[in-house]
């Protein structure tokens, strides 16, 4: 009997690219089992496949896997023989396939026993599901006789593990070299539940034995998987394709980091992790995600929100854990709301979520999709509020981007910073006012081309704020609330200018972006101004950004008013 072999159910990316990698390099004979006849035929025909470990941009290495066996699930006799000659099985399949896979494995183990192999055998569960063991075991024991069940109790270990290695879509250039290539982040360890093994534990360097698996797997799902989900659902609304793009967006980075911080506090209280342990863990979560060489796509991490919104999965689970320990899970709730807003016609899980929302309304849909209880209505209300808020925020985000495009284009064609900002904002906000627009005629090159004055684009933004939140002539001695609200908004716009340009003065801004100021009252200076790129990517960019910033700033106030916050 060859004890140095492993039967791997599921020859997908994790099966081939993680489990296959670890055990091949530990000297094991690999036997893959998969329901896809095309994949099995490819594996058999090729006789080899590549794994790329893209640990970071500076360290990418390729390994080749050979000498394996590949079987289709209907090859019952060959699979039974493989299990009979092995003491180790790994399942790298989604939980929805547990029932069929467990049934097949159960029959194979009985075949193994009947043919005289009474050595203990262990099944490694390699899936992203908290506490997968009992679920898989219930299917494994289904239809067993009392005698068989006793044998399984004594000789079959169902071992939970943590899959932290990522295996996204490979680059097309790699697929052209090898259609079976698996592109991974090269995570080197497979944490496994030490106490669940029967008989001898495989002596493999890459297996990390874990004593408290509940704590470890919960931490993994509630941090790594949660972080990726929050990034992907927020990032999808912003049109990002890759997780690293989401991470580069300051607002989305803040959302995901705050969600990590919330659940980190809860995990410390629930399982006794120290603050230092969690800080190191969180740093690893972020650094492993911030890996451009992986090319991990948003649609992969966002896939199947119906599953990811379940009560004990990566979004609702950590939020409820926070509530248990009196930690307000605001960012996590926003992540749940973002998942409920995820629309992808090619994703069956996303379509299911949207169908439930359409037919039952967002409140009942949230309760059902997240399996929430009657005593959790306050939690439901918070989800609804953030669902409404995120939808509004996304609408305003689109308007802000449109304002940027219009402002840039107006300045490029017509010139006149103040009026171009006003034109863009009036179009986007549907607030055209001819008198206000005409009054801004002199807002150019500072004011009236005098560059030591305030930037006209800034003044244009301030004028729109006053137009939206006015102190009216008929209430000249009143309207104090609007007056001070406008002051606050204009101060926020000023801070944007200070952060970006260091000043709100026309000449200072020119020095920052052109390296010098210009006296635009002089024709020769105006020519030099144009040669410096003023209306290619200079003042055009300033006008576009000012229009965008203005929308972003006023939107928060308008959203609060609409939601009565």
Foldseek 3Di string as FASTA:
>chain_A
DAAQEEEEEDPDQCSCAPVVVQSVVVVGAYEYEYQDPVVLVQCVVVQKEKEWAQQFPVDIDIDMDGRHHYYYLVPLVVVLVVVLNYQEYEYPDELVCLLVVLCSVLVSVVSSVVVPDLAAHEYEYEYLDQPCQVVSVVSNCPPPDPVSVVSCVQGYFYKYKYDPKDWADDPPVVCVVPVSYTYINCPQAIEIAQVRGHDDDDPGPRYHYDPPVNLVSLLCQQQLLLLLLLLLLLVVLVPDWFSLVSCPPVVSVVLSVLLLVLLLVLSCVPPVDDPVNSVVVNVVSVSSRNHVVRRHTSCVSLAQLLVQLECCGHQNNSCVSSVVVVGHNLSSLLSSLSSLVDDDVVHPNNVVSVVCCVVPNQLVSSCVSHVDDPVCVVSSVSSVLSNLLVVLLSVLLVLLQQLLVQLLVCCLPPNQLLLSLLVSLCVSVVPDDPVLSVVSRQQHCQGVLAQQHFHNLLVSLLVVLCVVLHCDPVNVVDSVVSVVVSVVLSVQLQVVCCVVQVGRTRQSSCCRQQVGGFRVVDPVRVVVCVVSPCSPCNSSNVSSNSSSSSSSSVSVVVSCVVSVD
